[in-house]
C-alpha atoms as a PDB file:
ATOM      1  CA  MET A   1       2.201  21.479  18.160  1.00  0.00           C
ATOM      2  CA  MET A   2      -0.319  19.240  19.912  1.00  0.00           C
ATOM      3  CA  ASP A   3      -2.936  20.252  17.363  1.00  0.00           C
ATOM      4  CA  TRP A   4      -0.603  19.191  14.535  1.00  0.00           C
ATOM      5  CA  VAL A   5       0.064  15.828  16.232  1.00  0.00           C
ATOM      6  CA  LEU A   6      -3.670  15.168  16.624  1.00  0.00           C
ATOM      7  CA  LYS A   7      -4.323  16.039  12.987  1.00  0.00           C
ATOM      8  CA  PHE A   8      -1.435  13.840  11.826  1.00  0.00           C
ATOM      9  CA  SER A   9      -2.767  11.001  14.012  1.00  0.00           C
ATOM     10  CA  TRP A  10      -6.176  11.336  12.333  1.00  0.00           C
ATOM     11  CA  VAL A  11      -4.577  11.144   8.880  1.00  0.00           C
ATOM     12  CA  LEU A  12      -2.511   8.163  10.031  1.00  0.00           C
ATOM     13  CA  LEU A  13      -5.582   6.319  11.337  1.00  0.00           C
ATOM     14  CA  ILE A  14      -7.576   6.720   8.124  1.00  0.00           C
ATOM     15  CA  GLU A  15      -4.535   5.870   5.970  1.00  0.00           C
ATOM     16  CA  TYR A  16      -3.989   2.698   8.049  1.00  0.00           C
ATOM     17  CA  ILE A  17      -7.605   1.622   7.514  1.00  0.00           C
ATOM     18  CA  GLN A  18      -7.200   2.302   3.787  1.00  0.00           C
ATOM     19  CA  ASN A  19      -3.977   0.269   3.474  1.00  0.00           C
ATOM     20  CA  LEU A  20      -4.881  -2.734   5.614  1.00  0.00           C
ATOM     21  CA  PRO A  21      -7.015  -4.672   3.080  1.00  0.00           C
ATOM     22  CA  ILE A  22      -4.368  -4.742   0.360  1.00  0.00           C
ATOM     23  CA  ILE A  23      -1.501  -5.624   2.709  1.00  0.00           C
ATOM     24  CA  TRP A  24      -3.623  -8.385   4.243  1.00  0.00           C
ATOM     25  CA  GLY A  25      -4.563  -9.698   0.780  1.00  0.00           C
ATOM     26  CA  ILE A  26      -0.980  -9.736  -0.452  1.00  0.00           C
ATOM     27  CA  ILE A  27       0.604 -11.377   2.588  1.00  0.00           C
ATOM     28  CA  PHE A  28      -2.238 -13.820   3.227  1.00  0.00           C
ATOM     29  CA  SER A  29      -2.337 -14.979  -0.377  1.00  0.00           C
ATOM     30  CA  LEU A  30       1.464 -15.363  -0.552  1.00  0.00           C
ATOM     31  CA  ALA A  31       1.467 -17.329   2.715  1.00  0.00           C
ATOM     32  CA  LYS A  32      -1.266 -19.604   1.338  1.00  0.00           C
ATOM     33  CA  LEU A  33       0.684 -19.984  -1.921  1.00  0.00           C
ATOM     34  CA  LYS A  34       3.620 -21.327   0.104  1.00  0.00           C
ATOM     35  CA  GLN A  35       1.209 -23.716   1.827  1.00  0.00           C
ATOM     36  CA  GLY A  36      -0.048 -25.180  -1.443  1.00  0.00           C
ATOM     37  CA  TRP A  37      -2.625 -22.813  -2.892  1.00  0.00           C
ATOM     38  CA  SER A  38      -2.564 -22.397  -6.651  1.00  0.00           C
ATOM     39  CA  TRP A  39      -1.461 -19.069  -8.093  1.00  0.00           C
ATOM     40  CA  ARG A  40      -5.063 -18.589  -9.270  1.00  0.00           C
ATOM     41  CA  GLN A  41      -6.407 -18.735  -5.712  1.00  0.00           C
ATOM     42  CA  SER A  42      -3.781 -16.258  -4.545  1.00  0.00           C
ATOM     43  CA  LEU A  43      -4.548 -13.954  -7.454  1.00  0.00           C
ATOM     44  CA  LEU A  44      -8.272 -14.063  -6.650  1.00  0.00           C
ATOM     45  CA  VAL A  45      -7.629 -12.981  -3.039  1.00  0.00           C
ATOM     46  CA  MET A  46      -5.396 -10.194  -4.332  1.00  0.00           C
ATOM     47  CA  LEU A  47      -8.114  -9.088  -6.762  1.00  0.00           C
ATOM     48  CA  GLY A  48     -10.666  -8.841  -3.963  1.00  0.00           C
ATOM     49  CA  SER A  49      -8.333  -7.017  -1.599  1.00  0.00           C
ATOM     50  CA  SER A  50      -7.275  -4.590  -4.363  1.00  0.00           C
ATOM     51  CA  PHE A  51     -10.823  -3.507  -5.091  1.00  0.00           C
ATOM     52  CA  LEU A  52     -11.779  -3.422  -1.396  1.00  0.00           C
ATOM     53  CA  CYS A  53      -8.783  -1.167  -0.786  1.00  0.00           C
ATOM     54  CA  ALA A  54      -9.779   1.051  -3.724  1.00  0.00           C
ATOM     55  CA  LEU A  55     -13.347   1.313  -2.414  1.00  0.00           C
ATOM     56  CA  ILE A  56     -12.206   2.259   1.079  1.00  0.00           C
ATOM     57  CA  ILE A  57      -9.720   4.818  -0.243  1.00  0.00           C
ATOM     58  CA  THR A  58     -12.128   6.523  -2.620  1.00  0.00           C
ATOM     59  CA  SER A  59     -14.903   6.659  -0.027  1.00  0.00           C
ATOM     60  CA  THR A  60     -12.793   7.819   2.966  1.00  0.00           C
ATOM     61  CA  GLU A  61     -10.283  10.143   1.291  1.00  0.00           C
ATOM     62  CA  PRO A  62     -12.346  13.308   2.019  1.00  0.00           C
ATOM     63  CA  LEU A  63     -12.384  12.358   5.725  1.00  0.00           C
ATOM     64  CA  LYS A  64      -8.648  11.754   5.779  1.00  0.00           C
ATOM     65  CA  ILE A  65      -7.685  15.101   4.323  1.00  0.00           C
ATOM     66  CA  LEU A  66      -9.959  17.201   6.569  1.00  0.00           C
ATOM     67  CA  PRO A  67      -7.027  18.402   8.713  1.00  0.00           C
ATOM     68  CA  THR A  68      -4.915  19.207   5.650  1.00  0.00           C
ATOM     69  CA  THR A  69      -4.877  21.991   3.108  1.00  0.00           C
ATOM     70  CA  LEU A  70      -5.459  19.489   0.286  1.00  0.00           C
ATOM     71  CA  GLU A  71      -8.621  19.683  -1.799  1.00  0.00           C
ATOM     72  CA  PRO A  72     -10.943  16.668  -1.586  1.00  0.00           C
ATOM     73  CA  ARG A  73     -11.631  14.715  -4.734  1.00  0.00           C
ATOM     74  CA  PRO A  74     -15.211  13.486  -5.006  1.00  0.00           C
ATOM     75  CA  PHE A  75     -15.918   9.771  -5.061  1.00  0.00           C
ATOM     76  CA  THR A  76     -16.372   8.567  -8.615  1.00  0.00           C
ATOM     77  CA  VAL A  77     -16.766   5.107 -10.037  1.00  0.00           C
ATOM     78  CA  ALA A  78     -13.973   5.860 -12.518  1.00  0.00           C
ATOM     79  CA  THR A  79     -11.532   6.701  -9.700  1.00  0.00           C
ATOM     80  CA  PHE A  80     -12.540   3.566  -7.808  1.00  0.00           C
ATOM     81  CA  LEU A  81     -12.104   1.341 -10.879  1.00  0.00           C
ATOM     82  CA  PHE A  82      -8.818   2.967 -11.878  1.00  0.00           C
ATOM     83  CA  SER A  83      -7.369   2.538  -8.377  1.00  0.00           C
ATOM     84  CA  GLY A  84      -8.591  -1.055  -8.139  1.00  0.00           C
ATOM     85  CA  VAL A  85      -7.012  -1.944 -11.481  1.00  0.00           C
ATOM     86  CA  VAL A  86      -3.692  -0.252 -10.573  1.00  0.00           C
ATOM     87  CA  PHE A  87      -3.572  -2.055  -7.213  1.00  0.00           C
ATOM     88  CA  PHE A  88      -4.438  -5.379  -8.821  1.00  0.00           C
ATOM     89  CA  ILE A  89      -1.773  -5.031 -11.499  1.00  0.00           C
ATOM     90  CA  ALA A  90       0.800  -4.300  -8.784  1.00  0.00           C
ATOM     91  CA  CYS A  91      -0.388  -7.358  -6.827  1.00  0.00           C
ATOM     92  CA  ALA A  92      -0.240  -9.572  -9.908  1.00  0.00           C
ATOM     93  CA  LEU A  93       3.288  -8.364 -10.655  1.00  0.00           C
ATOM     94  CA  LEU A  94       4.273  -9.073  -7.056  1.00  0.00           C
ATOM     95  CA  LEU A  95       2.804 -12.574  -7.251  1.00  0.00           C
ATOM     96  CA  ILE A  96       4.674 -13.327 -10.490  1.00  0.00           C
ATOM     97  CA  TYR A  97       7.854 -11.870  -9.009  1.00  0.00           C
ATOM     98  CA  MET A  98       7.540 -13.948  -5.823  1.00  0.00           C
ATOM     99  CA  ILE A  99       6.949 -17.143  -7.803  1.00  0.00           C
ATOM    100  CA  PHE A 100      10.010 -16.557  -9.993  1.00  0.00           C
ATOM    101  CA  THR A 101      12.316 -15.526  -7.149  1.00  0.00           C
ATOM    102  CA  ARG A 102      11.250 -18.290  -4.771  1.00  0.00           C
ATOM    103  CA  PRO A 103      14.278 -20.476  -5.664  1.00  0.00           C
ATOM    104  CA  LEU A 104      16.793 -17.715  -4.833  1.00  0.00           C
ATOM    105  CA  LYS A 105      18.645 -18.158  -1.544  1.00  0.00           C
ATOM    106  CA  LYS A 106      18.895 -14.421  -0.782  1.00  0.00           C
ATOM    107  CA  PRO A 107      16.464 -12.425  -2.908  1.00  0.00           C
ATOM    108  CA  TYR A 108      16.550  -9.316  -0.699  1.00  0.00           C
ATOM    109  CA  LEU A 109      18.452  -7.020  -3.064  1.00  0.00           C
ATOM    110  CA  ALA A 110      16.114  -8.016  -5.879  1.00  0.00           C
ATOM    111  CA  ASP A 111      13.170  -7.394  -3.507  1.00  0.00           C
ATOM    112  CA  ILE A 112      14.309  -3.832  -2.864  1.00  0.00           C
ATOM    113  CA  ILE A 113      14.819  -3.063  -6.557  1.00  0.00           C
ATOM    114  CA  PHE A 114      11.474  -4.614  -7.486  1.00  0.00           C
ATOM    115  CA  GLY A 115       9.720  -2.717  -4.682  1.00  0.00           C
ATOM    116  CA  VAL A 116      11.189   0.604  -5.768  1.00  0.00           C
ATOM    117  CA  LEU A 117      10.127   0.073  -9.386  1.00  0.00           C
ATOM    118  CA  VAL A 118       6.599  -1.100  -8.595  1.00  0.00           C
ATOM    119  CA  GLY A 119       6.060   1.413  -5.772  1.00  0.00           C
ATOM    120  CA  GLY A 120       7.232   4.294  -7.938  1.00  0.00           C
ATOM    121  CA  GLY A 121       5.076   3.110 -10.824  1.00  0.00           C
ATOM    122  CA  ILE A 122       1.962   2.841  -8.651  1.00  0.00           C
ATOM    123  CA  ALA A 123       2.530   6.253  -7.102  1.00  0.00           C
ATOM    124  CA  ILE A 124       3.090   7.985 -10.400  1.00  0.00           C
ATOM    125  CA  SER A 125       0.122   6.303 -12.113  1.00  0.00           C
ATOM    126  CA  GLU A 126      -2.145   7.211  -9.185  1.00  0.00           C
ATOM    127  CA  ALA A 127      -0.910  10.753  -8.710  1.00  0.00           C
ATOM    128  CA  LEU A 128      -0.664  11.823 -12.346  1.00  0.00           C
ATOM    129  CA  ASN A 129      -4.399  11.359 -12.529  1.00  0.00           C
ATOM    130  CA  ALA A 130      -5.137  14.686 -10.820  1.00  0.00           C
ATOM    131  CA  PHE A 131      -2.272  16.101  -8.753  1.00  0.00           C
ATOM    132  CA  PRO A 132       0.330  18.848  -9.283  1.00  0.00           C
ATOM    133  CA  LEU A 133       3.961  17.842  -9.915  1.00  0.00           C
ATOM    134  CA  LEU A 134       5.125  18.506  -6.310  1.00  0.00           C
ATOM    135  CA  LEU A 135       2.461  16.168  -4.936  1.00  0.00           C
ATOM    136  CA  VAL A 136       3.359  13.532  -7.541  1.00  0.00           C
ATOM    137  CA  MET A 137       7.017  13.724  -6.499  1.00  0.00           C
ATOM    138  CA  LEU A 138       6.218  13.512  -2.768  1.00  0.00           C
ATOM    139  CA  HIS A 139       3.779  10.654  -3.353  1.00  0.00           C
ATOM    140  CA  ALA A 140       6.331   8.782  -5.452  1.00  0.00           C
ATOM    141  CA  ALA A 141       9.070   9.324  -2.853  1.00  0.00           C
ATOM    142  CA  GLY A 142       6.836   7.936  -0.101  1.00  0.00           C
ATOM    143  CA  PHE A 143       5.812   4.927  -2.142  1.00  0.00           C
ATOM    144  CA  VAL A 144       9.363   4.194  -3.308  1.00  0.00           C
ATOM    145  CA  LEU A 145      10.698   4.254   0.246  1.00  0.00           C
ATOM    146  CA  ALA A 146       7.793   2.205   1.548  1.00  0.00           C
ATOM    147  CA  SER A 147       7.719  -0.319  -1.287  1.00  0.00           C
ATOM    148  CA  GLY A 148      11.467  -0.819  -1.432  1.00  0.00           C
ATOM    149  CA  SER A 149      11.525  -2.141   2.109  1.00  0.00           C
ATOM    150  CA  LEU A 150       8.047  -3.642   2.125  1.00  0.00           C
ATOM    151  CA  VAL A 151       8.626  -6.251  -0.571  1.00  0.00           C
ATOM    152  CA  THR A 152      11.339  -7.838   1.557  1.00  0.00           C
ATOM    153  CA  LEU A 153       9.159  -7.592   4.670  1.00  0.00           C
ATOM    154  CA  ILE A 154       6.203  -9.078   2.783  1.00  0.00           C
ATOM    155  CA  ARG A 155       8.331 -12.069   1.755  1.00  0.00           C
ATOM    156  CA  TYR A 156       9.451 -12.470   5.374  1.00  0.00           C
ATOM    157  CA  ALA A 157       5.874 -12.186   6.705  1.00  0.00           C
ATOM    158  CA  ALA A 158       4.520 -14.712   4.206  1.00  0.00           C
ATOM    159  CA  ASP A 159       6.940 -17.269   5.684  1.00  0.00           C
ATOM    160  CA  SER A 160       5.194 -17.038   9.081  1.00  0.00           C
ATOM    161  CA  ALA A 161       4.376 -20.377  10.614  1.00  0.00           C
ATOM    162  CA  SER A 162       1.395 -19.328  12.727  1.00  0.00           C
ATOM    163  CA  GLN A 163      -1.701 -17.262  12.016  1.00  0.00           C
ATOM    164  CA  LYS A 164      -0.976 -15.042  15.022  1.00  0.00           C
ATOM    165  CA  ALA A 165       2.513 -14.244  13.721  1.00  0.00           C
ATOM    166  CA  LEU A 166       1.081 -13.625  10.254  1.00  0.00           C
ATOM    167  CA  LEU A 167      -1.544 -11.188  11.566  1.00  0.00           C
ATOM    168  CA  THR A 168       1.008  -9.391  13.735  1.00  0.00           C
ATOM    169  CA  LYS A 169       3.344  -8.947  10.770  1.00  0.00           C
ATOM    170  CA  ILE A 170       0.486  -7.746   8.563  1.00  0.00           C
ATOM    171  CA  GLY A 171      -0.398  -5.122  11.182  1.00  0.00           C
ATOM    172  CA  LEU A 172       3.186  -3.959  11.595  1.00  0.00           C
ATOM    173  CA  ILE A 173       3.924  -3.831   7.865  1.00  0.00           C
ATOM    174  CA  THR A 174       0.726  -1.866   7.290  1.00  0.00           C
ATOM    175  CA  LEU A 175       1.786   0.545  10.025  1.00  0.00           C
ATOM    176  CA  LEU A 176       5.241   1.034   8.502  1.00  0.00           C
ATOM    177  CA  MET A 177       3.788   1.642   5.049  1.00  0.00           C
ATOM    178  CA  THR A 178       1.168   3.995   6.471  1.00  0.00           C
ATOM    179  CA  VAL A 179       3.663   6.087   8.435  1.00  0.00           C
ATOM    180  CA  LEU A 180       5.955   6.502   5.434  1.00  0.00           C
ATOM    181  CA  ILE A 181       3.116   7.462   3.102  1.00  0.00           C
ATOM    182  CA  ALA A 182       1.537   9.824   5.649  1.00  0.00           C
ATOM    183  CA  ILE A 183       4.843  11.609   6.241  1.00  0.00           C
ATOM    184  CA  PHE A 184       5.448  12.225   2.536  1.00  0.00           C
ATOM    185  CA  ASP A 185       1.887  12.663   1.277  1.00  0.00           C
ATOM    186  CA  TYR A 186       0.124  14.497   4.087  1.00  0.00           C
ATOM    187  CA  ALA A 187       2.456  15.867   6.774  1.00  0.00           C
ATOM    188  CA  PRO A 188       3.578  18.867   4.666  1.00  0.00           C
ATOM    189  CA  PHE A 189      -0.070  19.820   4.115  1.00  0.00           C
ATOM    190  CA  ILE A 190      -1.443  19.541   7.647  1.00  0.00           C
ATOM    191  CA  SER A 191      -2.805  22.887   8.651  1.00  0.00           C
ATOM    192  CA  ALA A 192      -1.189  24.396  11.754  1.00  0.00           C
ATOM    193  CA  ALA A 193      -4.185  26.664  12.308  1.00  0.00           C
END
């Protein structure tokens, strides 16, 4: 059991490092948007964080899956570009969504629905690239659960008054997203041997 916990912790650590740039980019750019940045500036930060996230994922994925029974996919420029574009499209949709729902007094139900749709779409577009149906379904389930709650949390975090509170919320939201994804995507495939 201890061996499984150590392997899961390794997967969790690498997944956290992979997720941090995009969560930081989204929340930071939305917080700055509320402080007067233009949507173009926010979109530019999201673009950079999307491709940084894609680069980290494609280059560290073989390390992350070492303790699992999953087969590593080699780093390719096509995979990196595809992931970066998918992440950026999701970020752009989130930015547009946040701008349009800003006037709502209680947008939380809409946040959950939007998160489920975008999270499921990202997961399916990523996973259909090279994974069997079971992995696609697990990946989608993890992303849907994570994204459904994360959109609301992202809105809440972007309202932070101080930088320290903003960074703390970014860290905690990244951890929540990472745990959910790791449980669905990797826990069933961690080798007990």
